Amino acid sequence: MRCCAGGGGRFPAGRGAPIVVRRTIEADLRRAVMNERAASRRVAIRHAQTVARLKSAASRKPYRASRRSHLRDDAIALVISGFEQAGVPVRLTARRDAVVKYMKRGLGEEERRIVEAEIEREAGSGITEQAVWVPHWDHTGDRLKIMAMCGAVGNEIGSTVTAHIGAAVIERASTSKLGFASYMRDCIQKSVRSEFARVGMAAPDYFFVVEDASFGACQGGEALHLHGAYCAAPEGLERVRQRRTFRRALKAALGAWKGGRRQVQITETITTPWKWARYLGKHVDVTGNALTAQGSGNATLFATNGMRQKARAWYDGQRSQ
């Protein structure tokens, strides 16, 4: 039997060998990306803490460490999504006896595997509900805020949105003094208000997360895009008009895109908010680091004030049960 060159006789020639090699390479790449993401998160946090200490020293004010922990939020999000995927309903709580493990450091590939294995073992033990401790709203980071916004939109049977940004708008946002996310927030807010006022409808509440499709390389072109959701109107003609108007407003704000008609994709309803929240948070760290490296700020989440209020109300309501 003829074997693949350089394989030491390990794989027989044919369709199976390239598939095995490709899967091995993909697994190695995924492991490297996860470990790098965890390391970069720790570096970014230490940098922010150092800057805060230096500012306190310069102003001669006592340094007070922030009670917001992005590492903790990552662990909480992983546990919540893990149990939901396993079919075990999650109940958020303020009880400290439900504290999540691995809260003090970033989750590398091996640590994630350990946590996922523990979740799978507990989910298979016959439990009907899992309580997960979450911090006060004022001490949450973007990952938990995204989760809360998805929950709030899901309560109103809202719709998910994926929108691609034109190259010219990306260039302007990347060089704006406001930062990339703030520039996009202002552009979209202005367009949405104008378009809905023109047709005599109330503008919906919404939120978006900036994502870099080039795995943090910010290679230019149109790799940066948006994922999000909005609170939709009730079923019927009003809902259809709202969807069409929202799509027109986004296209006007995002500029010409090479993909044409598929620039703005809107679903009918958001039926699985936990799943959508997990999808939106998958590249938050990488994108934030990439934007910071090019001087566009590190913010990736933006939302209307009404959306933030609804998200907090949903989060506080879940946490107080």
Protein backbone atom coordinates (compact mmCIF):
# COMPACT_ATOMS: atom_id res chain seq x y z
CA MET A 1 0.00 0.00 0.00
CA ARG A 2 1.41 3.36 -1.03
CA CYS A 3 1.83 5.89 1.81
CA CYS A 4 1.87 9.67 1.99
CA ALA A 5 5.30 11.21 1.48
CA GLY A 6 6.97 12.38 4.66
CA GLY A 7 4.43 10.49 6.78
CA GLY A 8 6.83 7.72 7.82
CA GLY A 9 4.30 5.17 6.56
CA ARG A 10 1.80 6.38 9.09
CA PHE A 11 -1.09 7.33 6.79
CA PRO A 12 -2.07 5.41 3.66
CA ALA A 13 -2.51 7.55 0.56
CA GLY A 14 -6.09 8.51 -0.15
CA ARG A 15 -8.80 10.83 1.04
CA GLY A 16 -8.52 9.87 4.71
CA ALA A 17 -4.96 11.06 5.30
CA PRO A 18 -5.45 14.76 4.42
CA ILE A 19 -8.59 14.87 6.57
CA VAL A 20 -6.73 13.50 9.62
CA VAL A 21 -3.86 15.93 9.12
CA ARG A 22 -6.23 18.87 8.62
CA ARG A 23 -8.18 18.06 11.78
CA THR A 24 -4.95 17.80 13.76
CA ILE A 25 -3.78 21.18 12.46
CA GLU A 26 -7.17 22.75 13.23
CA ALA A 27 -7.09 21.37 16.78
CA ASP A 28 -3.56 22.70 17.31
CA LEU A 29 -4.56 26.09 15.93
CA ARG A 30 -7.66 26.26 18.13
CA ARG A 31 -5.58 25.36 21.19
CA ALA A 32 -2.99 28.01 20.34
CA VAL A 33 -5.66 30.66 19.80
CA MET A 34 -7.35 29.87 23.14
CA ASN A 35 -4.08 29.99 25.07
CA GLU A 36 -3.03 33.21 23.35
CA ARG A 37 -6.43 34.73 24.08
CA ALA A 38 -6.13 33.87 27.77
CA ALA A 39 -2.58 35.26 27.93
CA SER A 40 -3.50 38.48 26.13
CA ARG A 41 -6.45 38.95 28.47
CA ARG A 42 -4.19 38.69 31.52
CA VAL A 43 -1.68 41.14 30.00
CA ALA A 44 -4.42 43.65 29.13
CA ILE A 45 -5.84 43.48 32.65
CA ARG A 46 -2.44 43.95 34.28
CA HIS A 47 -1.79 46.91 31.96
CA ALA A 48 -5.11 48.53 32.93
CA GLN A 49 -4.36 48.00 36.63
CA THR A 50 -0.89 49.53 36.26
CA VAL A 51 -2.29 52.59 34.46
CA ALA A 52 -4.92 53.02 37.19
CA ARG A 53 -2.27 52.84 39.92
CA LEU A 54 -0.05 55.39 38.13
CA LYS A 55 -2.99 57.79 37.70
CA SER A 56 -3.84 57.46 41.40
CA ALA A 57 -0.23 58.13 42.38
CA ALA A 58 -0.03 61.18 40.09
CA SER A 59 -3.24 62.64 41.56
CA ARG A 60 -2.21 61.67 45.11
CA LYS A 61 -5.45 59.79 45.57
CA PRO A 62 -5.63 56.30 47.10
CA TYR A 63 -5.80 53.50 44.55
CA ARG A 64 -8.95 51.40 44.65
CA ALA A 65 -8.96 48.21 42.67
CA SER A 66 -11.95 47.75 40.36
CA ARG A 67 -14.46 45.10 41.38
CA ARG A 68 -15.03 44.33 37.71
CA SER A 69 -13.23 41.14 36.62
CA HIS A 70 -13.13 40.15 32.96
CA LEU A 71 -11.47 36.85 33.86
CA ARG A 72 -14.36 36.04 36.20
CA ASP A 73 -16.88 37.00 33.53
CA ASP A 74 -15.20 34.63 31.05
CA ALA A 75 -15.51 31.74 33.51
CA ILE A 76 -19.14 32.56 34.31
CA ALA A 77 -20.05 32.76 30.61
CA LEU A 78 -18.36 29.40 29.96
CA VAL A 79 -20.26 27.69 32.79
CA ILE A 80 -23.62 29.16 31.77
CA SER A 81 -23.24 28.21 28.10
CA GLY A 82 -21.94 24.76 29.06
CA PHE A 83 -24.96 23.85 31.16
CA GLU A 84 -27.36 25.33 28.61
CA GLN A 85 -25.77 23.25 25.87
CA ALA A 86 -26.11 20.17 28.08
CA GLY A 87 -29.85 20.87 28.41
CA VAL A 88 -29.70 21.96 32.06
CA PRO A 89 -31.55 25.26 32.75
CA VAL A 90 -29.41 27.90 34.46
CA ARG A 91 -30.63 30.15 37.25
CA LEU A 92 -28.60 33.29 37.99
CA THR A 93 -28.18 34.09 41.66
CA ALA A 94 -26.49 36.51 44.06
CA ARG A 95 -25.76 33.69 46.55
CA ARG A 96 -22.03 33.38 47.12
CA ASP A 97 -22.24 29.62 47.63
CA ALA A 98 -22.69 29.25 43.87
CA VAL A 99 -19.32 30.85 43.03
CA VAL A 100 -17.79 29.78 39.71
CA LYS A 101 -14.38 28.09 39.63
CA TYR A 102 -11.38 29.51 37.73
CA MET A 103 -12.45 33.08 38.43
CA LYS A 104 -8.99 34.55 39.06
CA ARG A 105 -7.14 33.68 35.86
CA GLY A 106 -7.72 33.37 32.14
CA LEU A 107 -9.02 30.08 30.81
CA GLY A 108 -6.51 28.40 28.50
CA GLU A 109 -7.36 25.37 26.37
CA GLU A 110 -6.56 22.79 29.08
CA GLU A 111 -8.47 24.68 31.79
CA ARG A 112 -11.50 25.00 29.53
CA ARG A 113 -11.43 21.25 28.94
CA ILE A 114 -11.38 20.61 32.68
CA VAL A 115 -14.35 22.94 33.26
CA GLU A 116 -16.28 21.46 30.33
CA ALA A 117 -15.64 17.93 31.64
CA GLU A 118 -16.93 18.92 35.10
CA ILE A 119 -20.04 20.45 33.55
CA GLU A 120 -20.69 17.33 31.49
CA ARG A 121 -20.29 15.14 34.59
CA GLU A 122 -22.66 17.27 36.69
CA ALA A 123 -25.19 17.59 33.86
CA GLY A 124 -25.24 13.80 33.57
CA SER A 125 -25.93 13.32 37.28
CA GLY A 126 -29.62 14.09 36.85
CA ILE A 127 -29.75 17.71 38.10
CA THR A 128 -32.72 19.69 36.84
CA GLU A 129 -31.30 23.19 37.38
CA GLN A 130 -27.92 24.80 37.97
CA ALA A 131 -27.48 27.96 40.07
CA VAL A 132 -24.63 30.20 38.89
CA TRP A 133 -23.40 33.16 40.92
CA VAL A 134 -23.15 36.46 38.99
CA PRO A 135 -21.86 39.84 40.24
CA HIS A 136 -23.82 43.06 40.69
CA TRP A 137 -24.60 44.77 37.36
CA ASP A 138 -22.20 47.63 38.11
CA HIS A 139 -19.33 45.12 38.31
CA THR A 140 -20.02 43.20 35.10
CA GLY A 141 -17.96 43.36 31.92
CA ASP A 142 -19.06 43.24 28.29
CA ARG A 143 -19.47 39.46 28.16
CA LEU A 144 -22.15 39.39 30.89
CA LYS A 145 -23.77 42.56 29.54
CA ILE A 146 -24.08 40.89 26.12
CA MET A 147 -25.73 37.92 27.82
CA ALA A 148 -28.20 40.23 29.59
CA MET A 149 -29.00 42.13 26.39
CA CYS A 150 -29.69 38.87 24.56
CA GLY A 151 -31.99 37.82 27.41
CA ALA A 152 -33.86 41.13 27.29
CA VAL A 153 -34.30 40.94 23.52
CA GLY A 154 -35.43 37.32 23.83
CA ASN A 155 -38.15 38.37 26.29
CA GLU A 156 -39.55 40.70 23.62
CA ILE A 157 -39.21 38.10 20.85
CA GLY A 158 -36.67 40.34 19.15
CA SER A 159 -34.50 39.67 16.12
CA THR A 160 -30.78 39.00 15.64
CA VAL A 161 -28.71 41.05 13.20
CA THR A 162 -25.47 40.49 11.33
CA ALA A 163 -24.23 43.54 9.43
CA HIS A 164 -21.15 44.09 7.28
CA ILE A 165 -19.38 47.45 7.24
CA GLY A 166 -18.15 49.06 4.03
CA ALA A 167 -14.41 49.66 3.63
CA ALA A 168 -14.79 53.45 3.54
CA VAL A 169 -16.73 53.51 6.83
CA ILE A 170 -14.21 51.16 8.45
CA GLU A 171 -11.44 53.55 7.46
CA ARG A 172 -13.23 56.55 8.98
CA ALA A 173 -14.13 54.66 12.16
CA SER A 174 -10.56 53.36 12.57
CA THR A 175 -9.11 56.88 12.48
CA SER A 176 -11.83 58.57 14.54
CA LYS A 177 -10.84 60.16 17.84
CA LEU A 178 -14.01 58.69 19.33
CA GLY A 179 -12.76 55.14 18.83
CA PHE A 180 -14.15 52.53 16.44
CA ALA A 181 -17.17 51.39 18.48
CA SER A 182 -18.22 54.92 19.49
CA TYR A 183 -17.99 56.13 15.90
CA MET A 184 -20.16 53.25 14.68
CA ARG A 185 -22.62 53.86 17.53
CA ASP A 186 -23.10 57.50 16.50
CA CYS A 187 -23.41 56.67 12.78
CA ILE A 188 -26.02 53.99 13.32
CA GLN A 189 -27.95 55.99 15.92
CA LYS A 190 -28.22 58.99 13.59
CA SER A 191 -29.33 56.87 10.63
CA VAL A 192 -31.86 54.83 12.63
CA ARG A 193 -33.47 57.91 14.17
CA SER A 194 -33.68 59.65 10.79
CA GLU A 195 -35.11 56.68 8.89
CA PHE A 196 -37.74 55.79 11.50
CA ALA A 197 -38.79 59.44 11.87
CA ARG A 198 -39.25 59.59 8.09
CA VAL A 199 -41.75 56.72 8.12
CA GLY A 200 -43.43 57.85 11.35
CA MET A 201 -42.39 54.90 13.52
CA ALA A 202 -40.68 54.68 16.90
CA ALA A 203 -37.07 53.57 16.65
CA PRO A 204 -36.35 50.23 18.38
CA ASP A 205 -33.76 49.60 21.07
CA TYR A 206 -30.75 47.61 19.87
CA PHE A 207 -27.15 46.65 20.58
CA PHE A 208 -24.15 45.58 18.50
CA VAL A 209 -20.79 43.89 19.07
CA VAL A 210 -17.84 44.63 16.79
CA GLU A 211 -16.11 41.46 15.53
CA ASP A 212 -12.88 41.05 13.61
CA ALA A 213 -13.12 38.22 11.05
CA SER A 214 -9.33 38.12 10.58
CA PHE A 215 -8.73 36.59 14.09
CA GLY A 216 -7.44 39.84 15.54
CA ALA A 217 -5.14 40.81 12.69
CA CYS A 218 -7.32 43.80 11.66
CA GLN A 219 -6.11 43.27 8.11
CA GLY A 220 -8.16 46.13 6.74
CA GLY A 221 -10.68 45.78 3.93
CA GLU A 222 -14.00 44.63 5.32
CA ALA A 223 -13.00 42.07 7.97
CA LEU A 224 -14.63 44.08 10.77
CA HIS A 225 -18.38 43.53 11.01
CA LEU A 226 -21.23 43.69 13.53
CA HIS A 227 -23.42 41.17 15.33
CA GLY A 228 -26.32 42.21 17.52
CA ALA A 229 -30.06 42.24 18.07
CA TYR A 230 -32.99 44.63 18.42
CA CYS A 231 -36.33 44.65 20.22
CA ALA A 232 -38.88 43.93 17.53
CA ALA A 233 -42.46 45.13 17.23
CA PRO A 234 -45.37 42.69 17.70
CA GLU A 235 -46.18 40.25 14.91
CA GLY A 236 -47.88 41.55 11.80
CA LEU A 237 -47.46 44.39 9.32
CA GLU A 238 -45.81 46.67 11.88
CA ARG A 239 -43.06 44.10 12.49
CA VAL A 240 -42.41 43.75 8.75
CA ARG A 241 -42.23 47.54 8.30
CA GLN A 242 -39.90 47.83 11.27
CA ARG A 243 -37.54 45.17 9.88
CA ARG A 244 -37.40 46.80 6.45
CA THR A 245 -36.84 50.25 7.93
CA PHE A 246 -34.11 49.00 10.28
CA ARG A 247 -32.35 47.28 7.37
CA ARG A 248 -32.44 50.49 5.27
CA ALA A 249 -31.10 52.53 8.19
CA LEU A 250 -28.20 50.13 8.76
CA LYS A 251 -27.27 50.02 5.08
CA ALA A 252 -27.22 53.81 4.96
CA ALA A 253 -24.98 53.98 8.04
CA LEU A 254 -22.58 51.20 7.07
CA GLY A 255 -21.76 52.36 3.54
CA ALA A 256 -21.23 50.37 0.34
CA TRP A 257 -20.21 46.75 0.94
CA LYS A 258 -18.76 44.36 -1.62
CA GLY A 259 -21.28 41.62 -0.73
CA GLY A 260 -24.23 43.70 -1.91
CA ARG A 261 -27.69 42.46 -0.91
CA ARG A 262 -26.51 40.30 2.01
CA GLN A 263 -24.96 43.25 3.84
CA VAL A 264 -27.63 43.21 6.57
CA GLN A 265 -29.09 39.86 7.64
CA ILE A 266 -32.02 39.88 10.10
CA THR A 267 -33.68 36.79 11.58
CA GLU A 268 -37.36 36.60 12.38
CA THR A 269 -36.94 35.95 16.11
CA ILE A 270 -34.24 35.30 18.72
CA THR A 271 -35.39 32.00 20.21
CA THR A 272 -32.10 30.93 21.84
CA PRO A 273 -30.64 34.00 23.62
CA TRP A 274 -27.95 32.01 25.47
CA LYS A 275 -26.67 30.54 22.23
CA TRP A 276 -26.61 33.94 20.50
CA ALA A 277 -24.80 35.50 23.47
CA ARG A 278 -22.14 32.80 23.29
CA TYR A 279 -21.71 33.41 19.55
CA LEU A 280 -21.42 37.18 20.01
CA GLY A 281 -18.78 36.85 22.73
CA LYS A 282 -16.47 34.46 20.89
CA HIS A 283 -13.99 37.09 19.64
CA VAL A 284 -14.59 39.99 22.06
CA ASP A 285 -11.07 39.77 23.54
CA VAL A 286 -9.24 39.36 20.23
CA THR A 287 -11.15 42.20 18.58
CA GLY A 288 -10.67 44.53 21.55
CA ASN A 289 -6.92 43.88 21.59
CA ALA A 290 -6.68 44.42 17.83
CA LEU A 291 -8.57 47.72 17.99
CA THR A 292 -6.36 48.86 20.86
CA ALA A 293 -3.23 48.01 18.85
CA GLN A 294 -4.34 50.24 15.98
CA GLY A 295 -5.34 53.09 18.30
CA SER A 296 -9.12 52.69 17.94
CA GLY A 297 -9.93 52.05 21.60
CA ASN A 298 -10.75 48.66 23.10
CA ALA A 299 -14.55 48.93 23.23
CA THR A 300 -16.48 46.37 21.18
CA LEU A 301 -20.03 46.71 22.59
CA PHE A 302 -22.42 49.61 22.02
CA ALA A 303 -26.16 49.93 22.64
CA THR A 304 -28.99 52.40 23.01
CA ASN A 305 -29.71 53.71 26.49
CA GLY A 306 -33.08 51.97 26.40
CA MET A 307 -31.39 48.66 25.59
CA ARG A 308 -29.02 49.03 28.53
CA GLN A 309 -31.94 49.75 30.86
CA LYS A 310 -33.86 46.69 29.64
CA ALA A 311 -30.75 44.52 29.96
CA ARG A 312 -30.17 45.66 33.53
CA ALA A 313 -33.81 45.07 34.46
CA TRP A 314 -33.62 41.54 33.01
CA TYR A 315 -30.30 40.83 34.76
CA ASP A 316 -31.42 42.17 38.15
CA GLY A 317 -34.66 40.24 37.86
CA GLN A 318 -32.82 36.98 37.12
CA ARG A 319 -30.27 37.59 39.87
CA SER A 320 -32.89 38.28 42.55
CA GLN A 321 -34.80 35.02 42.05
